[in-house]
C-alpha atoms as a PDB file:
ATOM      1  CA  MET A   1    -109.787  16.539 -69.360  1.00  0.00           C
ATOM      2  CA  ALA A   2    -111.180  13.870 -68.999  1.00  0.00           C
ATOM      3  CA  VAL A   3    -114.696  12.489 -67.386  1.00  0.00           C
ATOM      4  CA  THR A   4    -115.961   9.051 -67.121  1.00  0.00           C
ATOM      5  CA  ALA A   5    -118.688   7.144 -65.766  1.00  0.00           C
ATOM      6  CA  PHE A   6    -119.425   3.470 -64.706  1.00  0.00           C
ATOM      7  CA  PHE A   7    -121.647   1.076 -63.296  1.00  0.00           C
ATOM      8  CA  LYS A   8    -121.063  -2.365 -62.665  1.00  0.00           C
ATOM      9  CA  TYR A   9    -123.351  -5.620 -61.251  1.00  0.00           C
ATOM     10  CA  LEU A  10    -121.084  -7.888 -59.322  1.00  0.00           C
ATOM     11  CA  ASP A  11    -121.979 -12.411 -59.418  1.00  0.00           C
ATOM     12  CA  LYS A  12    -121.264 -13.451 -55.943  1.00  0.00           C
ATOM     13  CA  PRO A  13    -118.789 -11.015 -54.582  1.00  0.00           C
ATOM     14  CA  ILE A  14    -116.512 -11.788 -51.753  1.00  0.00           C
ATOM     15  CA  GLU A  15    -117.638 -10.051 -48.890  1.00  0.00           C
ATOM     16  CA  PHE A  16    -116.330  -9.719 -45.635  1.00  0.00           C
ATOM     17  CA  VAL A  17    -119.297 -11.311 -42.693  1.00  0.00           C
ATOM     18  CA  ILE A  18    -119.441 -11.810 -39.154  1.00  0.00           C
ATOM     19  CA  GLN A  19    -120.953 -15.178 -38.673  1.00  0.00           C
ATOM     20  CA  ASN A  20    -121.337 -15.356 -34.827  1.00  0.00           C
ATOM     21  CA  GLN A  21    -120.815 -12.001 -32.378  1.00  0.00           C
ATOM     22  CA  ILE A  22    -121.075 -14.555 -29.405  1.00  0.00           C
ATOM     23  CA  ASN A  23    -117.672 -15.766 -30.385  1.00  0.00           C
ATOM     24  CA  SER A  24    -116.457 -13.425 -32.686  1.00  0.00           C
ATOM     25  CA  THR A  25    -116.202 -15.517 -35.596  1.00  0.00           C
ATOM     26  CA  ALA A  26    -116.001 -13.780 -38.889  1.00  0.00           C
ATOM     27  CA  THR A  27    -114.813 -15.104 -42.756  1.00  0.00           C
ATOM     28  CA  PHE A  28    -115.376 -13.976 -45.873  1.00  0.00           C
ATOM     29  CA  GLN A  29    -118.548 -14.736 -47.530  1.00  0.00           C
ATOM     30  CA  ASN A  30    -120.041 -14.665 -51.123  1.00  0.00           C
ATOM     31  CA  ALA A  31    -122.906 -12.151 -51.681  1.00  0.00           C
ATOM     32  CA  GLU A  32    -125.832 -13.092 -53.850  1.00  0.00           C
ATOM     33  CA  HIS A  33    -125.178  -9.829 -55.716  1.00  0.00           C
ATOM     34  CA  ALA A  34    -124.043  -6.478 -55.606  1.00  0.00           C
ATOM     35  CA  TRP A  35    -123.938  -3.173 -57.730  1.00  0.00           C
ATOM     36  CA  LEU A  36    -121.634  -0.699 -58.151  1.00  0.00           C
ATOM     37  CA  VAL A  37    -122.150   3.366 -59.486  1.00  0.00           C
ATOM     38  CA  GLY A  38    -120.042   6.391 -60.085  1.00  0.00           C
ATOM     39  CA  GLY A  39    -117.915   8.919 -62.658  1.00  0.00           C
ATOM     40  CA  GLU A  40    -114.704  10.174 -62.214  1.00  0.00           C
ATOM     41  CA  ILE A  41    -112.784  13.247 -63.596  1.00  0.00           C
ATOM     42  CA  GLU A  42    -109.548  13.586 -64.494  1.00  0.00           C
ATOM     43  CA  LEU A  43    -107.155  16.392 -65.650  1.00  0.00           C
ATOM     44  CA  ARG A  44    -103.511  16.974 -66.713  1.00  0.00           C
ATOM     45  CA  LEU A  45    -102.403  20.683 -67.215  1.00  0.00           C
ATOM     46  CA  GLY A  46     -99.226  22.479 -67.887  1.00  0.00           C
ATOM     47  CA  LEU A  47     -98.679  25.675 -65.838  1.00  0.00           C
ATOM     48  CA  GLY A  48     -96.572  26.636 -68.702  1.00  0.00           C
ATOM     49  CA  ARG A  49    -100.243  27.663 -70.639  1.00  0.00           C
ATOM     50  CA  LEU A  50    -100.952  30.302 -67.727  1.00  0.00           C
ATOM     51  CA  HIS A  51     -97.180  31.793 -67.484  1.00  0.00           C
ATOM     52  CA  GLU A  52     -93.695  31.312 -69.308  1.00  0.00           C
ATOM     53  CA  LYS A  53     -91.974  30.524 -66.129  1.00  0.00           C
ATOM     54  CA  LEU A  54     -94.343  27.996 -65.165  1.00  0.00           C
ATOM     55  CA  GLU A  55     -93.345  25.536 -68.229  1.00  0.00           C
ATOM     56  CA  LYS A  56     -91.876  23.125 -66.011  1.00  0.00           C
ATOM     57  CA  VAL A  57     -94.780  22.774 -63.267  1.00  0.00           C
ATOM     58  CA  PHE A  58     -97.496  20.890 -63.591  1.00  0.00           C
ATOM     59  CA  PHE A  59    -100.373  19.752 -61.840  1.00  0.00           C
ATOM     60  CA  GLY A  60    -102.749  16.210 -62.336  1.00  0.00           C
ATOM     61  CA  GLY A  61    -105.141  14.766 -59.832  1.00  0.00           C
ATOM     62  CA  ASN A  62    -108.630  12.769 -60.167  1.00  0.00           C
ATOM     63  CA  VAL A  63    -111.929  12.745 -58.882  1.00  0.00           C
ATOM     64  CA  ALA A  64    -113.969   9.355 -58.195  1.00  0.00           C
ATOM     65  CA  LEU A  65    -117.472   9.533 -56.835  1.00  0.00           C
ATOM     66  CA  MET A  66    -118.802   6.029 -56.265  1.00  0.00           C
ATOM     67  CA  LYS A  67    -122.274   4.520 -54.542  1.00  0.00           C
ATOM     68  CA  SER A  68    -122.574   0.606 -54.078  1.00  0.00           C
ATOM     69  CA  GLN A  69    -124.824  -1.789 -52.182  1.00  0.00           C
ATOM     70  CA  THR A  70    -124.521  -5.518 -51.507  1.00  0.00           C
ATOM     71  CA  THR A  71    -126.819  -8.271 -50.941  1.00  0.00           C
ATOM     72  CA  LEU A  72    -126.086 -11.115 -48.618  1.00  0.00           C
ATOM     73  CA  PRO A  73    -127.925 -13.958 -48.382  1.00  0.00           C
ATOM     74  CA  SER A  74    -130.560 -14.788 -46.004  1.00  0.00           C
ATOM     75  CA  ASP A  75    -130.373 -18.973 -45.703  1.00  0.00           C
ATOM     76  CA  PRO A  76    -129.706 -19.393 -42.058  1.00  0.00           C
ATOM     77  CA  ASP A  77    -127.268 -22.276 -42.478  1.00  0.00           C
ATOM     78  CA  LEU A  78    -124.638 -19.348 -43.226  1.00  0.00           C
ATOM     79  CA  GLN A  79    -125.323 -18.195 -39.653  1.00  0.00           C
ATOM     80  CA  ILE A  80    -124.491 -14.330 -41.196  1.00  0.00           C
ATOM     81  CA  SER A  81    -125.379 -11.941 -38.777  1.00  0.00           C
ATOM     82  CA  GLY A  82    -125.866  -8.049 -39.047  1.00  0.00           C
ATOM     83  CA  ARG A  83    -127.468  -6.629 -42.137  1.00  0.00           C
ATOM     84  CA  LEU A  84    -128.012  -8.265 -45.125  1.00  0.00           C
ATOM     85  CA  LYS A  85    -127.396  -4.995 -47.777  1.00  0.00           C
ATOM     86  CA  ARG A  86    -124.906  -2.203 -46.931  1.00  0.00           C
ATOM     87  CA  PRO A  87    -122.400  -0.923 -49.198  1.00  0.00           C
ATOM     88  CA  LEU A  88    -119.118  -3.109 -50.163  1.00  0.00           C
ATOM     89  CA  PHE A  89    -116.879  -4.354 -47.642  1.00  0.00           C
ATOM     90  CA  ASN A  90    -113.886  -1.651 -47.506  1.00  0.00           C
ATOM     91  CA  GLN A  91    -115.165   0.574 -51.006  1.00  0.00           C
ATOM     92  CA  SER A  92    -115.320   4.128 -49.953  1.00  0.00           C
ATOM     93  CA  PRO A  93    -117.824   6.763 -51.352  1.00  0.00           C
ATOM     94  CA  PHE A  94    -115.108   9.000 -52.812  1.00  0.00           C
ATOM     95  CA  VAL A  95    -111.483   9.019 -53.787  1.00  0.00           C
ATOM     96  CA  THR A  96    -109.312  12.484 -54.769  1.00  0.00           C
ATOM     97  CA  ASN A  97    -105.589  11.810 -56.167  1.00  0.00           C
ATOM     98  CA  LEU A  98    -104.266  15.605 -56.284  1.00  0.00           C
ATOM     99  CA  SER A  99    -100.174  16.129 -57.442  1.00  0.00           C
ATOM    100  CA  LEU A 100     -98.202  19.399 -58.187  1.00  0.00           C
ATOM    101  CA  ARG A 101     -94.790  18.730 -59.920  1.00  0.00           C
ATOM    102  CA  PHE A 102     -91.633  20.418 -61.019  1.00  0.00           C
ATOM    103  CA  ASP A 103     -90.098  18.248 -63.826  1.00  0.00           C
ATOM    104  CA  ASP A 104     -86.913  19.303 -65.567  1.00  0.00           C
ATOM    105  CA  PRO A 105     -85.641  17.401 -67.804  1.00  0.00           C
ATOM    106  CA  ASP A 106     -82.205  18.820 -68.361  1.00  0.00           C
ATOM    107  CA  SER A 107     -81.124  18.702 -64.972  1.00  0.00           C
ATOM    108  CA  GLY A 108     -82.847  15.235 -64.161  1.00  0.00           C
ATOM    109  CA  VAL A 109     -84.304  16.982 -61.052  1.00  0.00           C
ATOM    110  CA  MET A 110     -88.251  16.290 -60.066  1.00  0.00           C
ATOM    111  CA  VAL A 111     -89.909  17.390 -57.024  1.00  0.00           C
ATOM    112  CA  GLY A 112     -93.283  16.580 -56.592  1.00  0.00           C
ATOM    113  CA  LEU A 113     -96.686  17.324 -53.602  1.00  0.00           C
ATOM    114  CA  VAL A 114     -98.826  14.308 -53.640  1.00  0.00           C
ATOM    115  CA  TYR A 115    -102.411  14.505 -51.569  1.00  0.00           C
ATOM    116  CA  ASN A 116    -104.555  11.446 -51.384  1.00  0.00           C
ATOM    117  CA  ALA A 117    -107.931  10.975 -49.667  1.00  0.00           C
ATOM    118  CA  PHE A 118    -110.178   8.477 -49.278  1.00  0.00           C
ATOM    119  CA  GLY A 119    -113.810   8.550 -48.217  1.00  0.00           C
ATOM    120  CA  PRO A 120    -114.851   6.436 -44.813  1.00  0.00           C
ATOM    121  CA  ARG A 121    -115.278   3.010 -45.989  1.00  0.00           C
ATOM    122  CA  ILE A 122    -116.724  -0.244 -43.406  1.00  0.00           C
ATOM    123  CA  VAL A 123    -113.366  -2.271 -42.511  1.00  0.00           C
ATOM    124  CA  GLU A 124    -115.643  -4.339 -39.852  1.00  0.00           C
ATOM    125  CA  ALA A 125    -119.401  -5.371 -40.992  1.00  0.00           C
ATOM    126  CA  GLY A 126    -121.516  -4.920 -38.578  1.00  0.00           C
ATOM    127  CA  SER A 127    -123.544  -7.640 -36.545  1.00  0.00           C
ATOM    128  CA  ALA A 128    -126.859  -8.648 -35.049  1.00  0.00           C
ATOM    129  CA  ALA A 129    -127.368  -9.149 -30.922  1.00  0.00           C
ATOM    130  CA  GLY A 130    -131.047 -10.087 -30.893  1.00  0.00           C
ATOM    131  CA  ASP A 131    -133.038  -7.422 -32.572  1.00  0.00           C
ATOM    132  CA  PHE A 132    -130.018  -4.595 -31.777  1.00  0.00           C
ATOM    133  CA  ILE A 133    -127.570  -4.306 -35.010  1.00  0.00           C
ATOM    134  CA  ILE A 134    -124.688  -3.870 -34.170  1.00  0.00           C
ATOM    135  CA  PRO A 135    -122.790  -0.528 -36.204  1.00  0.00           C
ATOM    136  CA  ASP A 136    -120.078  -1.181 -38.918  1.00  0.00           C
ATOM    137  CA  VAL A 137    -116.698   0.216 -37.725  1.00  0.00           C
ATOM    138  CA  PHE A 138    -115.951   3.138 -40.693  1.00  0.00           C
ATOM    139  CA  GLU A 139    -112.087   4.032 -41.554  1.00  0.00           C
ATOM    140  CA  GLN A 140    -112.612   7.680 -41.572  1.00  0.00           C
ATOM    141  CA  THR A 141    -111.630  10.169 -44.356  1.00  0.00           C
ATOM    142  CA  GLN A 142    -107.665  10.537 -44.146  1.00  0.00           C
ATOM    143  CA  HIS A 143    -105.937  13.120 -45.557  1.00  0.00           C
ATOM    144  CA  LEU A 144    -102.310  12.372 -46.729  1.00  0.00           C
ATOM    145  CA  LEU A 145     -99.731  14.723 -47.817  1.00  0.00           C
ATOM    146  CA  ASP A 146     -96.123  13.500 -49.872  1.00  0.00           C
ATOM    147  CA  LEU A 147     -93.300  14.586 -50.903  1.00  0.00           C
ATOM    148  CA  VAL A 148     -91.098  13.163 -53.507  1.00  0.00           C
ATOM    149  CA  ALA A 149     -88.081  14.004 -55.564  1.00  0.00           C
ATOM    150  CA  SER A 150     -85.219  12.096 -57.531  1.00  0.00           C
ATOM    151  CA  TRP A 151     -82.649  13.669 -59.073  1.00  0.00           C
ATOM    152  CA  LYS A 152     -80.524  11.632 -61.979  1.00  0.00           C
ATOM    153  CA  PRO A 153     -77.022  13.329 -62.203  1.00  0.00           C
ATOM    154  CA  THR A 154     -75.747  11.099 -64.844  1.00  0.00           C
ATOM    155  CA  PRO A 155     -77.941   8.446 -67.320  1.00  0.00           C
ATOM    156  CA  HIS A 156     -77.398   5.582 -65.163  1.00  0.00           C
ATOM    157  CA  VAL A 157     -77.766   6.903 -61.556  1.00  0.00           C
ATOM    158  CA  LYS A 158     -81.088   8.414 -59.863  1.00  0.00           C
ATOM    159  CA  LEU A 159     -81.101   9.245 -56.188  1.00  0.00           C
ATOM    160  CA  GLY A 160     -84.683   9.173 -54.629  1.00  0.00           C
ATOM    161  CA  PHE A 161     -86.017  10.900 -52.004  1.00  0.00           C
ATOM    162  CA  LYS A 162     -89.644  10.027 -50.466  1.00  0.00           C
ATOM    163  CA  TRP A 163     -91.092  11.941 -47.089  1.00  0.00           C
ATOM    164  CA  LYS A 164     -94.367  10.475 -46.621  1.00  0.00           C
ATOM    165  CA  ASN A 165     -97.073  11.833 -44.393  1.00  0.00           C
ATOM    166  CA  ILE A 166     -96.120  15.377 -43.764  1.00  0.00           C
ATOM    167  CA  ALA A 167     -99.323  16.102 -42.320  1.00  0.00           C
ATOM    168  CA  PHE A 168     -99.221  13.447 -39.724  1.00  0.00           C
ATOM    169  CA  ALA A 169    -102.625  11.754 -40.890  1.00  0.00           C
ATOM    170  CA  ARG A 170    -104.106   9.644 -38.282  1.00  0.00           C
ATOM    171  CA  LYS A 171    -106.075   6.603 -39.254  1.00  0.00           C
ATOM    172  CA  ARG A 172    -109.350   6.990 -37.094  1.00  0.00           C
ATOM    173  CA  TYR A 173    -111.743   4.453 -36.530  1.00  0.00           C
ATOM    174  CA  LYS A 174    -115.361   4.952 -35.729  1.00  0.00           C
ATOM    175  CA  GLN A 175    -118.114   2.286 -34.709  1.00  0.00           C
ATOM    176  CA  GLY A 176    -121.654   4.691 -34.834  1.00  0.00           C
ATOM    177  CA  ASP A 177    -121.452   7.934 -32.743  1.00  0.00           C
ATOM    178  CA  GLU A 178    -117.527   6.535 -30.799  1.00  0.00           C
ATOM    179  CA  GLN A 179    -114.164   6.248 -32.018  1.00  0.00           C
ATOM    180  CA  VAL A 180    -112.783   2.617 -31.273  1.00  0.00           C
ATOM    181  CA  LEU A 181    -109.328   3.198 -32.242  1.00  0.00           C
ATOM    182  CA  LEU A 182    -106.701   6.095 -32.864  1.00  0.00           C
ATOM    183  CA  ASP A 183    -103.927   5.179 -35.157  1.00  0.00           C
ATOM    184  CA  LYS A 184    -101.137   7.284 -34.802  1.00  0.00           C
ATOM    185  CA  ARG A 185     -98.778   6.287 -37.836  1.00  0.00           C
ATOM    186  CA  GLY A 186     -96.473   9.346 -37.913  1.00  0.00           C
ATOM    187  CA  THR A 187     -94.097  10.698 -40.790  1.00  0.00           C
ATOM    188  CA  THR A 188     -91.588   8.545 -42.826  1.00  0.00           C
ATOM    189  CA  VAL A 189     -88.837  10.009 -44.473  1.00  0.00           C
ATOM    190  CA  SER A 190     -86.613   7.697 -47.066  1.00  0.00           C
ATOM    191  CA  ILE A 191     -83.807   8.215 -49.285  1.00  0.00           C
ATOM    192  CA  GLY A 192     -82.422   5.502 -52.300  1.00  0.00           C
ATOM    193  CA  ALA A 193     -80.043   4.851 -54.832  1.00  0.00           C
ATOM    194  CA  GLU A 194     -80.220   3.194 -58.309  1.00  0.00           C
ATOM    195  CA  TYR A 195     -78.368   2.331 -61.135  1.00  0.00           C
ATOM    196  CA  ILE A 196     -79.284   1.912 -64.326  1.00  0.00           C
ATOM    197  CA  TYR A 197     -77.617   0.096 -66.939  1.00  0.00           C
END
């Protein structure tokens, strides 16, 4: 198990800003500064420690927690509307990755179940309409579950299988308390073959 903590000060990071709500114009602009603080826990475990029949089963995962703030320039010539201080654009407060894998080098078979989730993140910065601040648009937490498998019957041939988004997770976007978009992304299955020479 590994535990890390971090603090980053960002000088003039690039941020997404709305310039004019009426004309719906937006651009990327250098903020004055920003900071990001957080920590991460990472764990890798062979389940053979628990029982000898599980010696080919492995668990791995990491969880990161973060908090950020960016300060946008207040120069009126830049025509930035909305809050001048907010979380970093596209920065989640947490990210989780977990995997459970069966790996048998003797048979060349590997099967893994992979879980990923991230916290709500700003995908469209709010703007100002007079004294009223229009809320940011947040992409909501998604819980993604994938199945991956491969078989290497010979040292030169590898067959692969991927089943993405088993749980049919949907992308949801909210502005304040209102859901503004629901994206039913569905699930995908792919099969591949690789020749290694």
